[in-house]
Amino acid sequence: GTPWNLLEANKIALDKFLVNEIKGIVEDNVVIKGMVSIGRDTVIRSGAYIVGPVAIGQDCDIGPNCYIRPATSIGDGCHVGAAVEVKNSIVMKDSKLPHHNYIGDSVIGKGCNFGSGTKIANLRLDKKNIQVSGIDTRRRKLGAIIGDHVETGINASINVGSLIGNNTHIGMGTVVSGVILPGSKIL
């Protein structure tokens, strides 16, 4: 398979196997709709809006005032903070999306940290299928596939269909497209 097949597999798994359970702490003024699983010692802060199916691991800090949309899986130890929107994505353990981020139709590796305002585009302006390294993904919506321990500076923009290797550093205000090799520094 391809990395973007993970998104469809995640959606199928959530639809078939997700158990509606809340083991963490949910503060007042949180909206939870549909099937949602929240792990032990996770805190869902006031103003969070979560629409299932969504799986959130243990020891996470979610919110305040974030929007988690369907078909999203968030691993253990993650932080999804204020004014963050995550849609149809996989966020692996110990990744931080702390404020003003948009993550759509993407796979985020473990231990990533996104600076404030980092956005991932997930739809071409012409609405055509997204190509990755010349391969037609057959997806109209696909954000980025991001490896482990990737860090972005504030207001970084990541274009549709980008592949970003492990241990990459993306500087503030940078626009990234295409394939970025592991260990790269984009400034």
C-alpha atoms as a PDB file:
ATOM      1  CA  GLY A   1       0.000   0.000   0.000  1.00  0.00           C
ATOM      2  CA  THR A   2       0.834   3.663   0.099  1.00  0.00           C
ATOM      3  CA  PRO A   3       1.039   6.006   3.085  1.00  0.00           C
ATOM      4  CA  TRP A   4      -2.251   7.680   2.159  1.00  0.00           C
ATOM      5  CA  ASN A   5      -3.981   4.278   2.378  1.00  0.00           C
ATOM      6  CA  LEU A   6      -3.541   4.648   6.146  1.00  0.00           C
ATOM      7  CA  LEU A   7      -6.261   7.305   6.105  1.00  0.00           C
ATOM      8  CA  GLU A   8      -8.845   4.944   4.606  1.00  0.00           C
ATOM      9  CA  ALA A   9      -7.746   2.098   6.903  1.00  0.00           C
ATOM     10  CA  ASN A  10      -8.074   4.425   9.906  1.00  0.00           C
ATOM     11  CA  LYS A  11     -11.609   5.425   8.885  1.00  0.00           C
ATOM     12  CA  ILE A  12     -12.656   1.791   8.412  1.00  0.00           C
ATOM     13  CA  ALA A  13     -11.157   0.759  11.764  1.00  0.00           C
ATOM     14  CA  LEU A  14     -12.852   3.626  13.601  1.00  0.00           C
ATOM     15  CA  ASP A  15     -16.203   2.866  11.971  1.00  0.00           C
ATOM     16  CA  LYS A  16     -16.020  -0.862  12.768  1.00  0.00           C
ATOM     17  CA  PHE A  17     -14.178  -1.175  16.057  1.00  0.00           C
ATOM     18  CA  LEU A  18     -14.334   2.083  18.024  1.00  0.00           C
ATOM     19  CA  VAL A  19     -15.920   1.778  21.450  1.00  0.00           C
ATOM     20  CA  ASN A  20     -17.642   4.852  22.865  1.00  0.00           C
ATOM     21  CA  GLU A  21     -15.855   5.387  26.201  1.00  0.00           C
ATOM     22  CA  ILE A  22     -14.488   8.268  28.198  1.00  0.00           C
ATOM     23  CA  LYS A  23     -11.728   7.383  30.654  1.00  0.00           C
ATOM     24  CA  GLY A  24     -10.224  10.878  30.896  1.00  0.00           C
ATOM     25  CA  ILE A  25     -11.433  14.191  32.280  1.00  0.00           C
ATOM     26  CA  VAL A  26     -13.930  16.252  30.283  1.00  0.00           C
ATOM     27  CA  GLU A  27     -14.304  19.846  31.470  1.00  0.00           C
ATOM     28  CA  ASP A  28     -17.523  21.863  31.265  1.00  0.00           C
ATOM     29  CA  ASN A  29     -18.569  23.341  27.908  1.00  0.00           C
ATOM     30  CA  VAL A  30     -17.179  20.513  25.772  1.00  0.00           C
ATOM     31  CA  VAL A  31     -19.288  19.146  22.903  1.00  0.00           C
ATOM     32  CA  ILE A  32     -18.870  15.464  22.017  1.00  0.00           C
ATOM     33  CA  LYS A  33     -21.000  13.991  19.205  1.00  0.00           C
ATOM     34  CA  GLY A  34     -20.968  10.462  17.847  1.00  0.00           C
ATOM     35  CA  MET A  35     -18.585   7.653  18.746  1.00  0.00           C
ATOM     36  CA  VAL A  36     -15.609   9.003  20.684  1.00  0.00           C
ATOM     37  CA  SER A  37     -13.023   7.153  22.755  1.00  0.00           C
ATOM     38  CA  ILE A  38     -10.915   9.140  25.233  1.00  0.00           C
ATOM     39  CA  GLY A  39      -8.026   7.440  27.029  1.00  0.00           C
ATOM     40  CA  ARG A  40      -6.971   7.483  30.678  1.00  0.00           C
ATOM     41  CA  ASP A  41      -5.563  10.709  32.113  1.00  0.00           C
ATOM     42  CA  THR A  42      -6.474  12.696  28.992  1.00  0.00           C
ATOM     43  CA  VAL A  43      -7.955  16.127  29.642  1.00  0.00           C
ATOM     44  CA  ILE A  44     -10.499  17.581  27.212  1.00  0.00           C
ATOM     45  CA  ARG A  45     -10.589  21.305  27.974  1.00  0.00           C
ATOM     46  CA  SER A  46     -13.501  23.720  27.807  1.00  0.00           C
ATOM     47  CA  GLY A  47     -14.674  24.709  24.347  1.00  0.00           C
ATOM     48  CA  ALA A  48     -13.415  21.585  22.592  1.00  0.00           C
ATOM     49  CA  TYR A  49     -15.813  20.338  19.883  1.00  0.00           C
ATOM     50  CA  ILE A  50     -15.338  16.683  18.915  1.00  0.00           C
ATOM     51  CA  VAL A  51     -17.361  14.859  16.249  1.00  0.00           C
ATOM     52  CA  GLY A  52     -16.802  11.110  16.003  1.00  0.00           C
ATOM     53  CA  PRO A  53     -15.687   8.705  15.062  1.00  0.00           C
ATOM     54  CA  VAL A  54     -12.616   9.919  16.937  1.00  0.00           C
ATOM     55  CA  ALA A  55     -10.077   8.036  19.056  1.00  0.00           C
ATOM     56  CA  ILE A  56      -7.901   9.971  21.498  1.00  0.00           C
ATOM     57  CA  GLY A  57      -5.187   8.130  23.424  1.00  0.00           C
ATOM     58  CA  GLN A  58      -4.121   8.443  27.039  1.00  0.00           C
ATOM     59  CA  ASP A  59      -2.214  11.312  28.671  1.00  0.00           C
ATOM     60  CA  CYS A  60      -3.327  13.834  26.026  1.00  0.00           C
ATOM     61  CA  ASP A  61      -4.087  17.528  26.496  1.00  0.00           C
ATOM     62  CA  ILE A  62      -6.927  18.546  24.153  1.00  0.00           C
ATOM     63  CA  GLY A  63      -8.140  22.143  23.843  1.00  0.00           C
ATOM     64  CA  PRO A  64      -9.284  24.586  24.900  1.00  0.00           C
ATOM     65  CA  ASN A  65     -11.384  25.690  21.949  1.00  0.00           C
ATOM     66  CA  CYS A  66     -10.324  23.166  19.314  1.00  0.00           C
ATOM     67  CA  TYR A  67     -12.280  21.235  16.674  1.00  0.00           C
ATOM     68  CA  ILE A  68     -11.616  17.548  16.100  1.00  0.00           C
ATOM     69  CA  ARG A  69     -13.528  16.221  13.111  1.00  0.00           C
ATOM     70  CA  PRO A  70     -14.525  12.674  12.107  1.00  0.00           C
ATOM     71  CA  ALA A  71     -12.110   9.885  11.196  1.00  0.00           C
ATOM     72  CA  THR A  72      -9.329  11.227  13.401  1.00  0.00           C
ATOM     73  CA  SER A  73      -7.024   9.183  15.616  1.00  0.00           C
ATOM     74  CA  ILE A  74      -4.760  10.920  18.126  1.00  0.00           C
ATOM     75  CA  GLY A  75      -2.048   8.890  19.848  1.00  0.00           C
ATOM     76  CA  ASP A  76      -0.932   8.860  23.471  1.00  0.00           C
ATOM     77  CA  GLY A  77       0.750  11.925  24.936  1.00  0.00           C
ATOM     78  CA  CYS A  78      -0.416  14.358  22.242  1.00  0.00           C
ATOM     79  CA  HIS A  79      -1.371  17.996  22.627  1.00  0.00           C
ATOM     80  CA  VAL A  80      -4.046  19.520  20.394  1.00  0.00           C
ATOM     81  CA  GLY A  81      -4.405  23.091  21.618  1.00  0.00           C
ATOM     82  CA  ALA A  82      -6.322  26.312  21.181  1.00  0.00           C
ATOM     83  CA  ALA A  83      -7.756  27.151  17.757  1.00  0.00           C
ATOM     84  CA  VAL A  84      -6.550  23.870  16.234  1.00  0.00           C
ATOM     85  CA  GLU A  85      -8.650  21.915  13.737  1.00  0.00           C
ATOM     86  CA  VAL A  86      -7.870  18.287  12.914  1.00  0.00           C
ATOM     87  CA  LYS A  87      -9.872  16.424  10.247  1.00  0.00           C
ATOM     88  CA  ASN A  88      -9.625  12.855   8.938  1.00  0.00           C
ATOM     89  CA  SER A  89      -6.062  12.490  10.168  1.00  0.00           C
ATOM     90  CA  ILE A  90      -3.736  10.302  12.187  1.00  0.00           C
ATOM     91  CA  VAL A  91      -1.586  12.048  14.783  1.00  0.00           C
ATOM     92  CA  MET A  92       0.931   9.658  16.307  1.00  0.00           C
ATOM     93  CA  LYS A  93       2.103   9.621  19.926  1.00  0.00           C
ATOM     94  CA  ASP A  94       3.803  12.560  21.596  1.00  0.00           C
ATOM     95  CA  SER A  95       3.062  15.035  18.789  1.00  0.00           C
ATOM     96  CA  LYS A  96       2.180  18.628  19.586  1.00  0.00           C
ATOM     97  CA  LEU A  97      -0.253  20.798  17.618  1.00  0.00           C
ATOM     98  CA  PRO A  98      -0.429  23.518  20.243  1.00  0.00           C
ATOM     99  CA  HIS A  99      -2.175  26.500  18.650  1.00  0.00           C
ATOM    100  CA  HIS A 100      -3.683  27.890  15.458  1.00  0.00           C
ATOM    101  CA  ASN A 101      -2.970  24.816  13.317  1.00  0.00           C
ATOM    102  CA  TYR A 102      -5.016  23.138  10.569  1.00  0.00           C
ATOM    103  CA  ILE A 103      -4.346  19.449   9.903  1.00  0.00           C
ATOM    104  CA  GLY A 104      -6.556  17.850   7.239  1.00  0.00           C
ATOM    105  CA  ASP A 105      -6.362  14.412   5.610  1.00  0.00           C
ATOM    106  CA  SER A 106      -2.822  13.892   6.888  1.00  0.00           C
ATOM    107  CA  VAL A 107      -0.594  11.440   8.729  1.00  0.00           C
ATOM    108  CA  ILE A 108       1.619  13.051  11.372  1.00  0.00           C
ATOM    109  CA  GLY A 109       4.476  10.947  12.765  1.00  0.00           C
ATOM    110  CA  LYS A 110       5.452  10.618  16.414  1.00  0.00           C
ATOM    111  CA  GLY A 111       7.179  13.359  18.356  1.00  0.00           C
ATOM    112  CA  CYS A 112       6.351  16.176  15.928  1.00  0.00           C
ATOM    113  CA  ASN A 113       5.935  19.785  17.046  1.00  0.00           C
ATOM    114  CA  PHE A 114       4.108  22.351  14.910  1.00  0.00           C
ATOM    115  CA  GLY A 115       4.688  26.060  15.471  1.00  0.00           C
ATOM    116  CA  SER A 116       1.741  28.400  15.836  1.00  0.00           C
ATOM    117  CA  GLY A 117      -0.141  28.926  12.594  1.00  0.00           C
ATOM    118  CA  THR A 118       1.272  25.906  10.751  1.00  0.00           C
ATOM    119  CA  LYS A 119      -1.287  24.852   8.158  1.00  0.00           C
ATOM    120  CA  ILE A 120      -1.498  21.823   5.879  1.00  0.00           C
ATOM    121  CA  ALA A 121      -3.416  22.316   2.625  1.00  0.00           C
ATOM    122  CA  ASN A 122      -5.545  19.317   1.655  1.00  0.00           C
ATOM    123  CA  LEU A 123      -7.392  20.351  -1.531  1.00  0.00           C
ATOM    124  CA  ARG A 124      -6.088  21.587  -4.880  1.00  0.00           C
ATOM    125  CA  LEU A 125      -7.654  24.806  -6.116  1.00  0.00           C
ATOM    126  CA  ASP A 126      -8.708  23.049  -9.323  1.00  0.00           C
ATOM    127  CA  LYS A 127     -10.238  20.188  -7.252  1.00  0.00           C
ATOM    128  CA  LYS A 128      -8.342  17.537  -9.268  1.00  0.00           C
ATOM    129  CA  ASN A 129      -6.831  14.404  -7.729  1.00  0.00           C
ATOM    130  CA  ILE A 130      -3.663  14.958  -5.770  1.00  0.00           C
ATOM    131  CA  GLN A 131      -0.387  13.675  -7.196  1.00  0.00           C
ATOM    132  CA  VAL A 132       2.473  12.545  -4.962  1.00  0.00           C
ATOM    133  CA  SER A 133       5.816  12.143  -6.762  1.00  0.00           C
ATOM    134  CA  GLY A 134       3.941  11.660 -10.034  1.00  0.00           C
ATOM    135  CA  ILE A 135       1.577   9.045  -8.561  1.00  0.00           C
ATOM    136  CA  ASP A 136      -2.159   9.702  -8.789  1.00  0.00           C
ATOM    137  CA  THR A 137      -3.426   9.118  -5.235  1.00  0.00           C
ATOM    138  CA  ARG A 138      -7.014   8.953  -6.503  1.00  0.00           C
ATOM    139  CA  ARG A 139      -7.825  11.277  -3.626  1.00  0.00           C
ATOM    140  CA  ARG A 140      -9.314  14.701  -4.093  1.00  0.00           C
ATOM    141  CA  LYS A 141      -8.260  15.533  -0.534  1.00  0.00           C
ATOM    142  CA  LEU A 142      -4.834  14.685   0.836  1.00  0.00           C
ATOM    143  CA  GLY A 143      -2.721  16.840   3.081  1.00  0.00           C
ATOM    144  CA  ALA A 144       0.743  15.638   4.014  1.00  0.00           C
ATOM    145  CA  ILE A 145       2.509  12.495   5.143  1.00  0.00           C
ATOM    146  CA  ILE A 146       4.953  13.648   7.815  1.00  0.00           C
ATOM    147  CA  GLY A 147       7.628  11.495   9.415  1.00  0.00           C
ATOM    148  CA  ASP A 148       8.721  11.321  13.048  1.00  0.00           C
ATOM    149  CA  HIS A 149      10.250  14.262  14.935  1.00  0.00           C
ATOM    150  CA  VAL A 150       9.417  16.927  12.359  1.00  0.00           C
ATOM    151  CA  GLU A 151       9.308  20.496  13.668  1.00  0.00           C
ATOM    152  CA  THR A 152       7.834  23.582  12.033  1.00  0.00           C
ATOM    153  CA  GLY A 153       8.244  27.243  12.824  1.00  0.00           C
ATOM    154  CA  ILE A 154       5.359  29.656  13.099  1.00  0.00           C
ATOM    155  CA  ASN A 155       3.163  30.153  10.042  1.00  0.00           C
ATOM    156  CA  ALA A 156       4.714  27.346   8.013  1.00  0.00           C
ATOM    157  CA  SER A 157       2.537  26.225   5.085  1.00  0.00           C
ATOM    158  CA  ILE A 158       2.616  22.657   3.785  1.00  0.00           C
ATOM    159  CA  ASN A 159       1.165  22.023   0.329  1.00  0.00           C
ATOM    160  CA  VAL A 160      -1.139  19.156  -0.687  1.00  0.00           C
ATOM    161  CA  GLY A 161       0.495  15.777  -1.189  1.00  0.00           C
ATOM    162  CA  SER A 162       3.765  16.659   0.530  1.00  0.00           C
ATOM    163  CA  LEU A 163       5.970  13.878   1.904  1.00  0.00           C
ATOM    164  CA  ILE A 164       8.240  15.068   4.706  1.00  0.00           C
ATOM    165  CA  GLY A 165      10.952  12.781   6.062  1.00  0.00           C
ATOM    166  CA  ASN A 166      11.902  12.161   9.705  1.00  0.00           C
ATOM    167  CA  ASN A 167      13.848  14.760  11.695  1.00  0.00           C
ATOM    168  CA  THR A 168      13.116  17.613   9.310  1.00  0.00           C
ATOM    169  CA  HIS A 169      13.061  21.236  10.482  1.00  0.00           C
ATOM    170  CA  ILE A 170      10.849  23.680   8.589  1.00  0.00           C
ATOM    171  CA  GLY A 171      11.461  27.348   9.350  1.00  0.00           C
ATOM    172  CA  MET A 172       8.947  30.061  10.117  1.00  0.00           C
ATOM    173  CA  GLY A 173       6.866  31.330   7.218  1.00  0.00           C
ATOM    174  CA  THR A 174       8.213  28.644   4.901  1.00  0.00           C
ATOM    175  CA  VAL A 175       6.119  27.083   2.133  1.00  0.00           C
ATOM    176  CA  VAL A 176       6.865  23.369   1.621  1.00  0.00           C
ATOM    177  CA  SER A 177       5.849  21.201  -1.354  1.00  0.00           C
ATOM    178  CA  GLY A 178       6.756  17.816  -2.767  1.00  0.00           C
ATOM    179  CA  VAL A 179       9.178  15.346  -1.237  1.00  0.00           C
ATOM    180  CA  ILE A 180      11.413  16.554   1.586  1.00  0.00           C
ATOM    181  CA  LEU A 181      14.210  14.130   2.478  1.00  0.00           C
ATOM    182  CA  PRO A 182      14.805  13.033   6.098  1.00  0.00           C
ATOM    183  CA  GLY A 183      17.014  15.356   8.133  1.00  0.00           C
ATOM    184  CA  SER A 184      16.364  18.360   5.909  1.00  0.00           C
ATOM    185  CA  LYS A 185      16.398  21.937   7.134  1.00  0.00           C
ATOM    186  CA  ILE A 186      14.057  24.163   5.132  1.00  0.00           C
ATOM    187  CA  LEU A 187      14.577  27.799   6.115  1.00  0.00           C
END
